[in-house]
């Protein structure tokens, strides 16, 4: 529903398939009526790996980066600056690892579908990766990485900063 509504625009400016929902509730109703409950979960094959990879990378790189800056004596162990530095490095790693999954999920969510709910452009997660890579190159999987970082960078820094401080209490 979110992707349908975010992609919706005037036909003169349209990029990609337009779903033309009037509201959130009409989007839910329309998707459910046309494709059933399964239609509401279309694209989840790209979203689940995104969250799993992103969370794993976020926690692993945070701890490693925080330890690394302390070993180099850039910041004192346990200092707020070491925590922020670890969060910044983790934010970059999260953006790099999650962006391909974001691109794939968005393409799967927003593609037009047949009456039975089958995507008209991609057969699934792997087909989407292969098509993007062959038509747009590997960098096609990194479209929008700047915007992804602008959203995930601060979120990662603040989340990890507060998590680290609460964990130490």
N, C-alpha and C. Protein backbone atom coordinates (compact mmCIF):
# COMPACT_ATOMS: atom_id res chain seq x y z
N UNK A 1 0.84 -1.18 0.00
CA UNK A 1 0.00 0.00 0.00
C UNK A 1 0.88 1.24 0.00
N UNK A 2 1.90 1.25 0.85
CA UNK A 2 2.81 2.41 0.93
C UNK A 2 3.47 2.67 -0.41
N UNK A 3 3.99 1.64 -1.04
CA UNK A 3 4.67 1.81 -2.32
C UNK A 3 3.71 2.28 -3.40
N UNK A 4 2.52 1.72 -3.44
CA UNK A 4 1.52 2.16 -4.42
C UNK A 4 1.25 3.66 -4.25
N UNK A 5 1.04 4.09 -3.02
CA UNK A 5 0.69 5.49 -2.77
C UNK A 5 1.87 6.43 -3.02
N UNK A 6 3.09 6.00 -2.66
CA UNK A 6 4.26 6.85 -2.88
C UNK A 6 4.59 7.02 -4.35
N UNK A 7 4.33 6.02 -5.15
CA UNK A 7 4.65 6.09 -6.58
C UNK A 7 3.58 6.84 -7.37
N UNK A 8 2.42 7.05 -6.76
CA UNK A 8 1.29 7.66 -7.46
C UNK A 8 1.54 9.15 -7.72
N UNK A 9 1.30 9.57 -8.96
CA UNK A 9 1.48 10.97 -9.34
C UNK A 9 0.61 11.28 -10.56
N UNK A 10 0.69 12.49 -11.02
CA UNK A 10 -0.02 12.88 -12.24
C UNK A 10 0.51 12.09 -13.42
N UNK A 11 -0.33 11.76 -14.37
CA UNK A 11 0.10 10.93 -15.50
C UNK A 11 1.22 11.60 -16.30
N UNK A 12 1.25 12.92 -16.33
CA UNK A 12 2.31 13.62 -17.07
C UNK A 12 3.68 13.43 -16.42
N UNK A 13 3.70 13.12 -15.12
CA UNK A 13 4.96 12.97 -14.39
C UNK A 13 5.23 11.52 -14.01
N UNK A 14 4.35 10.61 -14.36
CA UNK A 14 4.40 9.23 -13.88
C UNK A 14 5.69 8.53 -14.26
N UNK A 15 6.23 7.84 -13.29
CA UNK A 15 7.37 6.95 -13.52
C UNK A 15 6.95 5.58 -13.02
N UNK A 16 6.90 4.62 -13.90
CA UNK A 16 6.48 3.29 -13.50
C UNK A 16 4.97 3.14 -13.52
N UNK A 17 4.52 2.03 -13.03
CA UNK A 17 3.09 1.70 -13.04
C UNK A 17 2.33 2.57 -12.03
N UNK A 18 1.17 3.04 -12.42
CA UNK A 18 0.30 3.85 -11.55
C UNK A 18 -0.89 3.01 -11.10
N UNK A 19 -1.15 3.04 -9.80
CA UNK A 19 -2.25 2.24 -9.25
C UNK A 19 -3.50 3.07 -9.01
N UNK A 20 -3.37 4.39 -8.86
CA UNK A 20 -4.49 5.33 -8.75
C UNK A 20 -5.47 5.02 -7.61
N UNK A 21 -4.96 4.92 -6.41
CA UNK A 21 -5.80 4.75 -5.23
C UNK A 21 -6.20 6.13 -4.71
N UNK A 22 -7.37 6.22 -4.13
CA UNK A 22 -7.85 7.49 -3.60
C UNK A 22 -7.39 7.74 -2.17
N UNK A 23 -7.15 6.67 -1.42
CA UNK A 23 -6.76 6.80 -0.02
C UNK A 23 -6.11 5.49 0.44
N UNK A 24 -5.66 5.48 1.67
CA UNK A 24 -5.07 4.26 2.23
C UNK A 24 -6.12 3.15 2.27
N UNK A 25 -7.29 3.49 2.77
CA UNK A 25 -8.33 2.46 2.88
C UNK A 25 -8.77 1.95 1.51
N UNK A 26 -8.85 2.84 0.52
CA UNK A 26 -9.24 2.37 -0.82
C UNK A 26 -8.13 1.52 -1.43
N UNK A 27 -6.86 1.81 -1.09
CA UNK A 27 -5.75 0.98 -1.57
C UNK A 27 -5.83 -0.42 -0.98
N UNK A 28 -6.05 -0.51 0.33
CA UNK A 28 -6.20 -1.82 0.96
C UNK A 28 -7.37 -2.58 0.32
N UNK A 29 -8.50 -1.90 0.19
CA UNK A 29 -9.70 -2.52 -0.36
C UNK A 29 -9.45 -2.99 -1.80
N UNK A 30 -8.87 -2.14 -2.62
CA UNK A 30 -8.63 -2.46 -4.03
C UNK A 30 -7.68 -3.65 -4.17
N UNK A 31 -6.58 -3.62 -3.44
CA UNK A 31 -5.60 -4.72 -3.53
C UNK A 31 -6.24 -6.02 -3.06
N UNK A 32 -6.97 -5.95 -1.94
CA UNK A 32 -7.62 -7.15 -1.41
C UNK A 32 -8.66 -7.69 -2.39
N UNK A 33 -9.47 -6.81 -2.96
CA UNK A 33 -10.51 -7.26 -3.90
C UNK A 33 -9.91 -7.88 -5.16
N UNK A 34 -8.82 -7.31 -5.64
CA UNK A 34 -8.23 -7.80 -6.89
C UNK A 34 -7.35 -9.03 -6.68
N UNK A 35 -6.64 -9.10 -5.55
CA UNK A 35 -5.62 -10.15 -5.39
C UNK A 35 -5.70 -10.91 -4.08
N UNK A 36 -6.67 -10.61 -3.25
CA UNK A 36 -6.81 -11.29 -1.97
C UNK A 36 -5.72 -10.88 -0.98
N UNK A 37 -5.64 -11.61 0.11
CA UNK A 37 -4.66 -11.32 1.16
C UNK A 37 -3.24 -11.42 0.60
N UNK A 38 -3.00 -12.34 -0.31
CA UNK A 38 -1.68 -12.53 -0.90
C UNK A 38 -1.20 -11.25 -1.59
N UNK A 39 -2.12 -10.51 -2.19
CA UNK A 39 -1.76 -9.26 -2.85
C UNK A 39 -1.18 -8.23 -1.90
N UNK A 40 -1.60 -8.27 -0.65
CA UNK A 40 -1.07 -7.34 0.35
C UNK A 40 0.36 -7.69 0.76
N UNK A 41 0.77 -8.91 0.46
CA UNK A 41 2.11 -9.36 0.84
C UNK A 41 3.05 -9.45 -0.35
N UNK A 42 2.62 -8.96 -1.52
CA UNK A 42 3.47 -9.03 -2.72
C UNK A 42 4.76 -8.25 -2.46
N UNK A 43 5.89 -8.83 -2.80
CA UNK A 43 7.18 -8.18 -2.62
C UNK A 43 7.86 -8.52 -1.31
N UNK A 44 7.19 -9.30 -0.46
CA UNK A 44 7.76 -9.62 0.84
C UNK A 44 9.05 -10.44 0.69
N UNK A 45 9.21 -11.14 -0.44
CA UNK A 45 10.43 -11.92 -0.65
C UNK A 45 11.66 -11.01 -0.76
N UNK A 46 11.48 -9.75 -1.05
CA UNK A 46 12.59 -8.80 -1.04
C UNK A 46 12.73 -8.10 0.28
N UNK A 47 11.64 -7.95 1.02
CA UNK A 47 11.66 -7.22 2.28
C UNK A 47 12.26 -8.03 3.43
N UNK A 48 11.96 -9.31 3.50
CA UNK A 48 12.45 -10.13 4.60
C UNK A 48 13.98 -10.24 4.57
N UNK A 49 14.60 -10.56 3.43
CA UNK A 49 16.07 -10.60 3.42
C UNK A 49 16.68 -9.22 3.71
N UNK A 50 16.01 -8.15 3.29
CA UNK A 50 16.49 -6.79 3.54
C UNK A 50 16.65 -6.55 5.04
N UNK A 51 15.62 -6.89 5.79
CA UNK A 51 15.65 -6.66 7.24
C UNK A 51 16.66 -7.58 7.91
N UNK A 52 16.72 -8.83 7.50
CA UNK A 52 17.66 -9.77 8.10
C UNK A 52 19.10 -9.34 7.86
N UNK A 53 19.43 -9.02 6.62
CA UNK A 53 20.80 -8.59 6.28
C UNK A 53 21.12 -7.27 6.96
N UNK A 54 20.20 -6.32 6.90
CA UNK A 54 20.43 -5.01 7.49
C UNK A 54 20.69 -5.08 8.99
N UNK A 55 19.89 -5.85 9.70
CA UNK A 55 20.06 -5.98 11.15
C UNK A 55 21.38 -6.66 11.49
N UNK A 56 21.72 -7.71 10.77
CA UNK A 56 22.98 -8.41 11.02
C UNK A 56 24.18 -7.50 10.78
N UNK A 57 24.16 -6.80 9.67
CA UNK A 57 25.26 -5.89 9.34
C UNK A 57 25.34 -4.75 10.33
N UNK A 58 24.19 -4.22 10.72
CA UNK A 58 24.16 -3.09 11.65
C UNK A 58 24.84 -3.44 12.97
N UNK A 59 24.46 -4.54 13.56
CA UNK A 59 25.03 -4.90 14.86
C UNK A 59 26.49 -5.34 14.76
N UNK A 60 26.82 -6.11 13.73
CA UNK A 60 28.19 -6.60 13.58
C UNK A 60 29.17 -5.46 13.30
N UNK A 61 28.81 -4.56 12.41
CA UNK A 61 29.74 -3.48 12.07
C UNK A 61 29.83 -2.46 13.20
N UNK A 62 28.76 -2.25 13.95
CA UNK A 62 28.79 -1.30 15.06
C UNK A 62 29.81 -1.73 16.10
N UNK A 63 29.72 -2.96 16.54
CA UNK A 63 30.64 -3.45 17.58
C UNK A 63 32.09 -3.42 17.07
N UNK A 64 32.29 -3.88 15.84
CA UNK A 64 33.64 -3.91 15.28
C UNK A 64 34.21 -2.51 15.08
N UNK A 65 33.41 -1.60 14.55
CA UNK A 65 33.87 -0.23 14.30
C UNK A 65 34.16 0.49 15.61
N UNK A 66 33.31 0.30 16.59
CA UNK A 66 33.51 0.92 17.91
C UNK A 66 34.81 0.43 18.54
N UNK A 67 35.06 -0.86 18.48
CA UNK A 67 36.31 -1.42 19.01
C UNK A 67 37.51 -0.90 18.22
N UNK A 68 37.37 -0.81 16.91
CA UNK A 68 38.47 -0.38 16.04
C UNK A 68 38.91 1.05 16.36
N UNK A 69 37.96 1.97 16.49
CA UNK A 69 38.34 3.36 16.78
C UNK A 69 38.96 3.49 18.17
N UNK A 70 38.58 2.62 19.08
CA UNK A 70 39.18 2.64 20.42
C UNK A 70 40.59 2.05 20.38
N UNK A 71 40.80 0.97 19.62
CA UNK A 71 42.13 0.37 19.48
C UNK A 71 43.11 1.35 18.86
N UNK A 72 42.67 2.17 17.94
CA UNK A 72 43.50 3.18 17.29
C UNK A 72 43.71 4.41 18.18
N UNK A 73 43.05 4.38 19.32
CA UNK A 73 43.10 5.45 20.32
C UNK A 73 42.59 6.79 19.77
N UNK A 74 41.64 6.70 18.84
CA UNK A 74 41.01 7.92 18.35
C UNK A 74 40.03 8.42 19.40
N UNK A 75 39.38 7.45 20.06
CA UNK A 75 38.44 7.77 21.13
C UNK A 75 38.63 6.79 22.27
N UNK A 76 38.30 7.23 23.45
CA UNK A 76 38.43 6.40 24.64
C UNK A 76 37.30 5.37 24.68
N UNK A 77 37.63 4.17 25.11
CA UNK A 77 36.64 3.09 25.21
C UNK A 77 35.49 3.54 26.12
N UNK A 78 34.28 3.34 25.63
CA UNK A 78 33.10 3.71 26.40
C UNK A 78 32.67 5.17 26.22
N UNK A 79 33.45 5.94 25.44
CA UNK A 79 33.08 7.34 25.24
C UNK A 79 31.93 7.46 24.25
N UNK A 80 31.18 8.54 24.36
CA UNK A 80 30.07 8.77 23.43
C UNK A 80 30.58 8.95 22.01
N UNK A 81 31.81 9.51 21.85
CA UNK A 81 32.38 9.72 20.51
C UNK A 81 32.68 8.37 19.84
N UNK A 82 33.14 7.39 20.60
CA UNK A 82 33.41 6.06 20.04
C UNK A 82 32.10 5.41 19.59
N UNK A 83 31.07 5.60 20.38
CA UNK A 83 29.75 5.05 20.04
C UNK A 83 29.22 5.71 18.76
N UNK A 84 29.35 7.04 18.66
CA UNK A 84 28.89 7.73 17.46
C UNK A 84 29.69 7.31 16.22
N UNK A 85 31.00 7.17 16.37
CA UNK A 85 31.84 6.74 15.25
C UNK A 85 31.44 5.34 14.79
N UNK A 86 31.21 4.44 15.73
CA UNK A 86 30.76 3.10 15.38
C UNK A 86 29.42 3.13 14.67
N UNK A 87 28.53 3.98 15.13
CA UNK A 87 27.22 4.12 14.49
C UNK A 87 27.32 4.67 13.08
N UNK A 88 28.24 5.63 12.86
CA UNK A 88 28.41 6.20 11.52
C UNK A 88 28.92 5.16 10.53
N UNK A 89 29.91 4.39 10.95
CA UNK A 89 30.44 3.33 10.09
C UNK A 89 29.34 2.30 9.82
N UNK A 90 28.61 1.96 10.84
CA UNK A 90 27.53 0.99 10.68
C UNK A 90 26.46 1.51 9.73
N UNK A 91 26.16 2.80 9.79
CA UNK A 91 25.17 3.41 8.90
C UNK A 91 25.56 3.26 7.43
N UNK A 92 26.84 3.46 7.14
CA UNK A 92 27.32 3.29 5.76
C UNK A 92 27.18 1.83 5.34
N UNK A 93 27.60 0.91 6.21
CA UNK A 93 27.52 -0.51 5.89
C UNK A 93 26.07 -0.95 5.68
N UNK A 94 25.17 -0.44 6.50
CA UNK A 94 23.76 -0.79 6.36
C UNK A 94 23.22 -0.29 5.03
N UNK A 95 23.54 0.95 4.67
CA UNK A 95 23.06 1.50 3.39
C UNK A 95 23.59 0.69 2.21
N UNK A 96 24.86 0.31 2.26
CA UNK A 96 25.46 -0.46 1.17
C UNK A 96 24.82 -1.84 1.03
N UNK A 97 24.52 -2.47 2.16
CA UNK A 97 23.96 -3.83 2.09
C UNK A 97 22.45 -3.84 1.86
N UNK A 98 21.73 -2.81 2.31
CA UNK A 98 20.28 -2.83 2.20
C UNK A 98 19.75 -2.25 0.88
N UNK A 99 20.52 -1.38 0.24
CA UNK A 99 20.02 -0.72 -0.96
C UNK A 99 19.60 -1.71 -2.05
N UNK A 100 20.40 -2.75 -2.37
CA UNK A 100 19.92 -3.69 -3.39
C UNK A 100 18.58 -4.32 -3.03
N UNK A 101 18.38 -4.63 -1.76
CA UNK A 101 17.11 -5.21 -1.33
C UNK A 101 15.97 -4.20 -1.45
N UNK A 102 16.27 -2.93 -1.17
CA UNK A 102 15.26 -1.87 -1.33
C UNK A 102 14.85 -1.74 -2.79
N UNK A 103 15.83 -1.76 -3.68
CA UNK A 103 15.54 -1.64 -5.11
C UNK A 103 14.68 -2.82 -5.57
N UNK A 104 15.08 -4.01 -5.18
CA UNK A 104 14.34 -5.22 -5.57
C UNK A 104 12.92 -5.19 -5.01
N UNK A 105 12.79 -4.87 -3.73
CA UNK A 105 11.46 -4.82 -3.12
C UNK A 105 10.57 -3.81 -3.81
N UNK A 106 11.11 -2.63 -4.09
CA UNK A 106 10.33 -1.59 -4.73
C UNK A 106 9.88 -2.04 -6.11
N UNK A 107 10.76 -2.67 -6.86
CA UNK A 107 10.39 -3.14 -8.20
C UNK A 107 9.32 -4.22 -8.12
N UNK A 108 9.46 -5.14 -7.15
CA UNK A 108 8.46 -6.20 -7.01
C UNK A 108 7.12 -5.64 -6.54
N UNK A 109 7.15 -4.72 -5.58
CA UNK A 109 5.91 -4.12 -5.07
C UNK A 109 5.17 -3.36 -6.14
N UNK A 110 5.91 -2.59 -6.94
CA UNK A 110 5.28 -1.61 -7.80
C UNK A 110 5.05 -2.08 -9.24
N UNK A 111 5.42 -3.30 -9.56
CA UNK A 111 5.20 -3.75 -10.93
C UNK A 111 3.72 -4.00 -11.18
N UNK A 112 3.29 -3.82 -12.42
CA UNK A 112 1.90 -4.16 -12.74
C UNK A 112 1.72 -5.67 -12.64
N UNK A 113 0.52 -6.09 -12.36
CA UNK A 113 0.25 -7.53 -12.21
C UNK A 113 -0.92 -7.95 -13.08
N UNK A 114 -0.95 -9.25 -13.41
CA UNK A 114 -2.07 -9.85 -14.14
C UNK A 114 -3.27 -9.97 -13.20
N UNK A 115 -4.38 -10.42 -13.75
CA UNK A 115 -5.60 -10.61 -12.96
C UNK A 115 -5.38 -11.60 -11.81
N UNK A 116 -4.48 -12.57 -12.01
CA UNK A 116 -4.23 -13.55 -10.96
C UNK A 116 -3.14 -13.10 -9.97
N UNK A 117 -2.63 -11.87 -10.13
CA UNK A 117 -1.65 -11.32 -9.20
C UNK A 117 -0.21 -11.60 -9.57
N UNK A 118 0.04 -12.24 -10.70
CA UNK A 118 1.39 -12.53 -11.14
C UNK A 118 2.01 -11.27 -11.74
N UNK A 119 3.24 -10.99 -11.33
CA UNK A 119 3.93 -9.81 -11.83
C UNK A 119 4.15 -9.87 -13.33
N UNK A 120 3.98 -8.74 -13.99
CA UNK A 120 4.17 -8.69 -15.44
C UNK A 120 5.62 -8.45 -15.82
N UNK A 121 6.43 -7.93 -14.90
CA UNK A 121 7.82 -7.61 -15.23
C UNK A 121 8.82 -8.62 -14.65
N UNK A 122 8.58 -9.07 -13.43
CA UNK A 122 9.52 -9.97 -12.74
C UNK A 122 8.76 -11.17 -12.20
N UNK A 123 9.41 -12.35 -12.30
CA UNK A 123 8.79 -13.58 -11.80
C UNK A 123 9.04 -13.75 -10.31
N UNK A 124 9.96 -13.00 -9.74
CA UNK A 124 10.26 -13.12 -8.32
C UNK A 124 11.58 -12.44 -8.00
N UNK A 125 12.04 -12.67 -6.79
CA UNK A 125 13.24 -12.04 -6.24
C UNK A 125 14.47 -12.26 -7.14
N UNK A 126 14.77 -13.51 -7.42
CA UNK A 126 15.97 -13.84 -8.21
C UNK A 126 15.86 -13.29 -9.64
N UNK A 127 14.70 -13.43 -10.25
CA UNK A 127 14.50 -12.91 -11.60
C UNK A 127 14.70 -11.39 -11.63
N UNK A 128 14.25 -10.72 -10.60
CA UNK A 128 14.40 -9.27 -10.51
C UNK A 128 15.89 -8.89 -10.44
N UNK A 129 16.66 -9.59 -9.60
CA UNK A 129 18.10 -9.33 -9.50
C UNK A 129 18.77 -9.53 -10.86
N UNK A 130 18.46 -10.64 -11.50
CA UNK A 130 19.08 -10.97 -12.78
C UNK A 130 18.73 -9.95 -13.85
N UNK A 131 17.47 -9.53 -13.91
CA UNK A 131 17.07 -8.55 -14.92
C UNK A 131 17.72 -7.19 -14.68
N UNK A 132 17.73 -6.75 -13.43
CA UNK A 132 18.36 -5.46 -13.13
C UNK A 132 19.85 -5.52 -13.47
N UNK A 133 20.52 -6.57 -13.04
CA UNK A 133 21.96 -6.70 -13.28
C UNK A 133 22.28 -6.76 -14.77
N UNK A 134 21.48 -7.50 -15.54
CA UNK A 134 21.79 -7.62 -16.97
C UNK A 134 21.43 -6.36 -17.75
N UNK A 135 20.35 -5.67 -17.38
CA UNK A 135 19.92 -4.49 -18.13
C UNK A 135 20.57 -3.19 -17.65
N UNK A 136 20.83 -3.10 -16.34
CA UNK A 136 21.32 -1.84 -15.77
C UNK A 136 22.72 -1.97 -15.16
N UNK A 137 23.26 -3.17 -15.14
CA UNK A 137 24.54 -3.40 -14.49
C UNK A 137 24.36 -3.54 -12.99
N UNK A 138 25.42 -3.93 -12.31
CA UNK A 138 25.34 -4.12 -10.86
C UNK A 138 25.01 -2.82 -10.13
N UNK A 139 25.43 -1.69 -10.70
CA UNK A 139 25.12 -0.41 -10.05
C UNK A 139 23.63 -0.10 -10.09
N UNK A 140 22.89 -0.77 -10.97
CA UNK A 140 21.44 -0.61 -10.99
C UNK A 140 20.80 -1.04 -9.68
N UNK A 141 21.47 -1.94 -8.96
CA UNK A 141 20.97 -2.39 -7.66
C UNK A 141 21.21 -1.34 -6.57
N UNK A 142 21.96 -0.29 -6.89
CA UNK A 142 22.29 0.75 -5.91
C UNK A 142 21.63 2.08 -6.22
N UNK A 143 20.56 2.05 -7.02
CA UNK A 143 19.83 3.29 -7.30
C UNK A 143 19.26 3.84 -6.00
N UNK A 144 19.48 5.12 -5.77
CA UNK A 144 18.93 5.76 -4.59
C UNK A 144 19.73 5.57 -3.32
N UNK A 145 20.99 5.10 -3.43
CA UNK A 145 21.77 4.84 -2.22
C UNK A 145 21.98 6.10 -1.39
N UNK A 146 22.09 7.25 -2.04
CA UNK A 146 22.23 8.49 -1.28
C UNK A 146 21.02 8.76 -0.40
N UNK A 147 19.84 8.60 -0.97
CA UNK A 147 18.61 8.78 -0.20
C UNK A 147 18.48 7.72 0.89
N UNK A 148 18.91 6.50 0.58
CA UNK A 148 18.86 5.43 1.59
C UNK A 148 19.76 5.81 2.77
N UNK A 149 20.96 6.29 2.47
CA UNK A 149 21.87 6.67 3.56
C UNK A 149 21.32 7.86 4.36
N UNK A 150 20.74 8.83 3.68
CA UNK A 150 20.19 9.99 4.40
C UNK A 150 19.09 9.58 5.37
N UNK A 151 18.41 8.49 5.06
CA UNK A 151 17.38 7.99 5.98
C UNK A 151 17.97 7.04 7.02
N UNK A 152 18.78 6.07 6.57
CA UNK A 152 19.28 5.04 7.47
C UNK A 152 20.49 5.49 8.31
N UNK A 153 21.29 6.41 7.79
CA UNK A 153 22.47 6.85 8.53
C UNK A 153 22.11 7.43 9.89
N UNK A 154 21.33 8.51 9.93
CA UNK A 154 20.95 9.08 11.23
C UNK A 154 20.16 8.09 12.10
N UNK A 155 19.28 7.32 11.47
CA UNK A 155 18.50 6.32 12.21
C UNK A 155 19.43 5.31 12.88
N UNK A 156 20.42 4.83 12.13
CA UNK A 156 21.36 3.85 12.66
C UNK A 156 22.20 4.46 13.78
N UNK A 157 22.74 5.66 13.56
CA UNK A 157 23.57 6.32 14.57
C UNK A 157 22.78 6.50 15.87
N UNK A 158 21.60 7.07 15.77
CA UNK A 158 20.81 7.33 16.98
C UNK A 158 20.34 6.04 17.66
N UNK A 159 19.88 5.08 16.87
CA UNK A 159 19.41 3.81 17.45
C UNK A 159 20.53 3.11 18.20
N UNK A 160 21.69 3.03 17.57
CA UNK A 160 22.81 2.33 18.19
C UNK A 160 23.37 3.11 19.37
N UNK A 161 23.36 4.43 19.29
CA UNK A 161 23.82 5.26 20.41
C UNK A 161 22.95 5.00 21.64
N UNK A 162 21.62 5.07 21.46
CA UNK A 162 20.72 4.85 22.58
C UNK A 162 20.76 3.41 23.06
N UNK A 163 20.86 2.45 22.13
CA UNK A 163 20.95 1.05 22.52
C UNK A 163 22.19 0.80 23.35
N UNK A 164 23.33 1.37 22.93
CA UNK A 164 24.59 1.18 23.66
C UNK A 164 24.51 1.81 25.05
N UNK A 165 23.96 2.99 25.13
CA UNK A 165 23.85 3.66 26.43
C UNK A 165 22.90 2.92 27.36
N UNK A 166 21.78 2.46 26.84
CA UNK A 166 20.84 1.69 27.67
C UNK A 166 21.43 0.35 28.10
N UNK A 167 22.16 -0.27 27.21
CA UNK A 167 22.80 -1.57 27.51
C UNK A 167 23.81 -1.41 28.63
N UNK A 168 24.50 -0.30 28.70
CA UNK A 168 25.52 -0.08 29.72
C UNK A 168 24.95 0.38 31.06
N UNK A 169 23.66 0.68 31.10
CA UNK A 169 23.06 1.15 32.36
C UNK A 169 22.84 0.02 33.35
